[in-house]
Amino acid sequence: MDNGDMNGNGRDKLVGNLKSVMQDAEALLRGTGQQMGSGYDAARAQLETAWDSARGNFGAIEEQVMAGSQEAIDAADRYVQSNPWQAVGIGAAAGLLIGLLIGRAK
């Protein structure tokens, strides 16, 4: 499974959990409008369970993003180490382009 598939599955899982949290929150709000009894407690328990699950998925997605970022940083570092003058040229060109854009915006 490639990294794109993992990120897509993680996003889908996160979206599903967020929808579940919203549905549980709506049920909780409806329950508080009625008598505060067992319905309120059940809705509250469901909301807490869904929230914990969503929080866990946020953590997993954050780890995937951090791992992907570290891979990109490592790849850029390897490129710069093996091609230092090209990296300096690319940096200078990017700086020039940014300077021109900032100068035009004023």
C-alpha atoms as a PDB file:
ATOM      1  CA  MET A   1       0.000   0.000   0.000  1.00  0.00           C
ATOM      2  CA  ASP A   2       1.558   3.337  -0.974  1.00  0.00           C
ATOM      3  CA  ASN A   3       1.599   6.441   1.212  1.00  0.00           C
ATOM      4  CA  GLY A   4      -1.158   8.135  -0.844  1.00  0.00           C
ATOM      5  CA  ASP A   5      -3.550   5.265  -0.145  1.00  0.00           C
ATOM      6  CA  MET A   6      -2.763   5.382   3.557  1.00  0.00           C
ATOM      7  CA  ASN A   7      -3.436   9.115   3.701  1.00  0.00           C
ATOM      8  CA  GLY A   8      -6.688   8.699   1.766  1.00  0.00           C
ATOM      9  CA  ASN A   9      -7.883   5.932   4.073  1.00  0.00           C
ATOM     10  CA  GLY A  10      -6.893   7.986   7.110  1.00  0.00           C
ATOM     11  CA  ARG A  11      -8.817  10.991   5.805  1.00  0.00           C
ATOM     12  CA  ASP A  12     -11.879   8.856   5.055  1.00  0.00           C
ATOM     13  CA  LYS A  13     -11.739   7.350   8.529  1.00  0.00           C
ATOM     14  CA  LEU A  14     -11.370  10.802  10.077  1.00  0.00           C
ATOM     15  CA  VAL A  15     -14.301  12.206   8.106  1.00  0.00           C
ATOM     16  CA  GLY A  16     -16.426   9.220   9.138  1.00  0.00           C
ATOM     17  CA  ASN A  17     -15.525   9.739  12.779  1.00  0.00           C
ATOM     18  CA  LEU A  18     -16.263  13.454  12.596  1.00  0.00           C
ATOM     19  CA  LYS A  19     -19.676  12.735  11.094  1.00  0.00           C
ATOM     20  CA  SER A  20     -20.328  10.266  13.882  1.00  0.00           C
ATOM     21  CA  VAL A  21     -19.320  12.866  16.485  1.00  0.00           C
ATOM     22  CA  MET A  22     -21.665  15.407  14.941  1.00  0.00           C
ATOM     23  CA  GLN A  23     -24.540  12.931  14.935  1.00  0.00           C
ATOM     24  CA  ASP A  24     -23.863  12.022  18.556  1.00  0.00           C
ATOM     25  CA  ALA A  25     -23.665  15.706  19.503  1.00  0.00           C
ATOM     26  CA  GLU A  26     -27.032  16.304  17.845  1.00  0.00           C
ATOM     27  CA  ALA A  27     -28.490  13.381  19.769  1.00  0.00           C
ATOM     28  CA  LEU A  28     -27.038  14.840  22.961  1.00  0.00           C
ATOM     29  CA  LEU A  29     -28.591  18.218  22.262  1.00  0.00           C
ATOM     30  CA  ARG A  30     -31.951  16.633  21.524  1.00  0.00           C
ATOM     31  CA  GLY A  31     -31.663  14.604  24.711  1.00  0.00           C
ATOM     32  CA  THR A  32     -31.005  17.666  26.858  1.00  0.00           C
ATOM     33  CA  GLY A  33     -34.178  19.277  25.563  1.00  0.00           C
ATOM     34  CA  GLN A  34     -36.118  16.406  27.075  1.00  0.00           C
ATOM     35  CA  GLN A  35     -35.920  15.083  30.583  1.00  0.00           C
ATOM     36  CA  MET A  36     -32.436  14.483  31.835  1.00  0.00           C
ATOM     37  CA  GLY A  37     -32.605  10.786  32.312  1.00  0.00           C
ATOM     38  CA  SER A  38     -31.098   7.656  30.857  1.00  0.00           C
ATOM     39  CA  GLY A  39     -31.364   9.051  27.301  1.00  0.00           C
ATOM     40  CA  TYR A  40     -29.062  11.918  28.226  1.00  0.00           C
ATOM     41  CA  ASP A  41     -26.546   9.599  29.851  1.00  0.00           C
ATOM     42  CA  ALA A  42     -26.553   7.215  26.875  1.00  0.00           C
ATOM     43  CA  ALA A  43     -26.087  10.064  24.371  1.00  0.00           C
ATOM     44  CA  ARG A  44     -23.299  11.515  26.486  1.00  0.00           C
ATOM     45  CA  ALA A  45     -21.523   8.148  26.657  1.00  0.00           C
ATOM     46  CA  GLN A  46     -21.813   7.731  22.874  1.00  0.00           C
ATOM     47  CA  LEU A  47     -20.425  11.229  22.333  1.00  0.00           C
ATOM     48  CA  GLU A  48     -17.464  10.562  24.603  1.00  0.00           C
ATOM     49  CA  THR A  49     -16.692   7.276  22.823  1.00  0.00           C
ATOM     50  CA  ALA A  50     -16.892   8.891  19.371  1.00  0.00           C
ATOM     51  CA  TRP A  51     -14.770  11.824  20.521  1.00  0.00           C
ATOM     52  CA  ASP A  52     -12.057   9.522  21.883  1.00  0.00           C
ATOM     53  CA  SER A  53     -12.025   7.576  18.619  1.00  0.00           C
ATOM     54  CA  ALA A  54     -11.758  10.765  16.537  1.00  0.00           C
ATOM     55  CA  ARG A  55      -8.937  12.040  18.748  1.00  0.00           C
ATOM     56  CA  GLY A  56      -7.074   8.771  18.227  1.00  0.00           C
ATOM     57  CA  ASN A  57      -7.420   9.093  14.463  1.00  0.00           C
ATOM     58  CA  PHE A  58      -6.162  12.670  14.574  1.00  0.00           C
ATOM     59  CA  GLY A  59      -3.061  11.361  16.314  1.00  0.00           C
ATOM     60  CA  ALA A  60      -2.524   8.665  13.677  1.00  0.00           C
ATOM     61  CA  ILE A  61      -2.917  11.136  10.816  1.00  0.00           C
ATOM     62  CA  GLU A  62      -0.559  13.557  12.532  1.00  0.00           C
ATOM     63  CA  GLU A  63       2.063  10.786  12.755  1.00  0.00           C
ATOM     64  CA  GLN A  64       1.635  10.009   9.034  1.00  0.00           C
ATOM     65  CA  VAL A  65       2.056  13.675   8.116  1.00  0.00           C
ATOM     66  CA  MET A  66       5.142  13.985  10.303  1.00  0.00           C
ATOM     67  CA  ALA A  67       6.669  10.844   8.768  1.00  0.00           C
ATOM     68  CA  GLY A  68       5.958  12.121   5.244  1.00  0.00           C
ATOM     69  CA  SER A  69       7.420  15.513   6.102  1.00  0.00           C
ATOM     70  CA  GLN A  70      10.551  13.925   7.503  1.00  0.00           C
ATOM     71  CA  GLU A  71      10.951  11.853   4.325  1.00  0.00           C
ATOM     72  CA  ALA A  72      10.682  15.017   2.198  1.00  0.00           C
ATOM     73  CA  ILE A  73      13.212  16.824   4.387  1.00  0.00           C
ATOM     74  CA  ASP A  74      15.618  13.898   4.141  1.00  0.00           C
ATOM     75  CA  ALA A  75      15.229  13.753   0.349  1.00  0.00           C
ATOM     76  CA  ALA A  76      15.857  17.497   0.032  1.00  0.00           C
ATOM     77  CA  ASP A  77      18.915  17.200   2.273  1.00  0.00           C
ATOM     78  CA  ARG A  78      20.327  14.354   0.164  1.00  0.00           C
ATOM     79  CA  TYR A  79      19.744  16.370  -3.034  1.00  0.00           C
ATOM     80  CA  VAL A  80      21.459  19.470  -1.648  1.00  0.00           C
ATOM     81  CA  GLN A  81      24.419  17.412  -0.407  1.00  0.00           C
ATOM     82  CA  SER A  82      24.883  15.739  -3.779  1.00  0.00           C
ATOM     83  CA  ASN A  83      24.179  18.878  -5.888  1.00  0.00           C
ATOM     84  CA  PRO A  84      25.268  21.910  -3.831  1.00  0.00           C
ATOM     85  CA  TRP A  85      25.700  24.384  -6.698  1.00  0.00           C
ATOM     86  CA  GLN A  86      22.370  23.510  -8.254  1.00  0.00           C
ATOM     87  CA  ALA A  87      20.747  23.998  -4.854  1.00  0.00           C
ATOM     88  CA  VAL A  88      22.387  27.435  -4.517  1.00  0.00           C
ATOM     89  CA  GLY A  89      21.154  28.368  -8.005  1.00  0.00           C
ATOM     90  CA  ILE A  90      17.613  27.214  -7.246  1.00  0.00           C
ATOM     91  CA  GLY A  91      17.644  29.159  -3.969  1.00  0.00           C
ATOM     92  CA  ALA A  92      18.911  32.302  -5.692  1.00  0.00           C
ATOM     93  CA  ALA A  93      16.288  32.017  -8.441  1.00  0.00           C
ATOM     94  CA  ALA A  94      13.525  31.484  -5.883  1.00  0.00           C
ATOM     95  CA  GLY A  95      14.744  34.507  -3.886  1.00  0.00           C
ATOM     96  CA  LEU A  96      14.810  36.650  -7.012  1.00  0.00           C
ATOM     97  CA  LEU A  97      11.309  35.563  -7.979  1.00  0.00           C
ATOM     98  CA  ILE A  98       9.947  36.262  -4.493  1.00  0.00           C
ATOM     99  CA  GLY A  99      11.679  39.662  -4.478  1.00  0.00           C
ATOM    100  CA  LEU A 100      10.123  40.568  -7.822  1.00  0.00           C
ATOM    101  CA  LEU A 101       6.667  39.509  -6.646  1.00  0.00           C
ATOM    102  CA  ILE A 102       6.981  41.498  -3.429  1.00  0.00           C
ATOM    103  CA  GLY A 103       8.244  44.518  -5.368  1.00  0.00           C
ATOM    104  CA  ARG A 104       5.264  44.384  -7.731  1.00  0.00           C
ATOM    105  CA  ALA A 105       2.781  44.089  -4.893  1.00  0.00           C
ATOM    106  CA  LYS A 106       3.870  47.431  -3.402  1.00  0.00           C
END
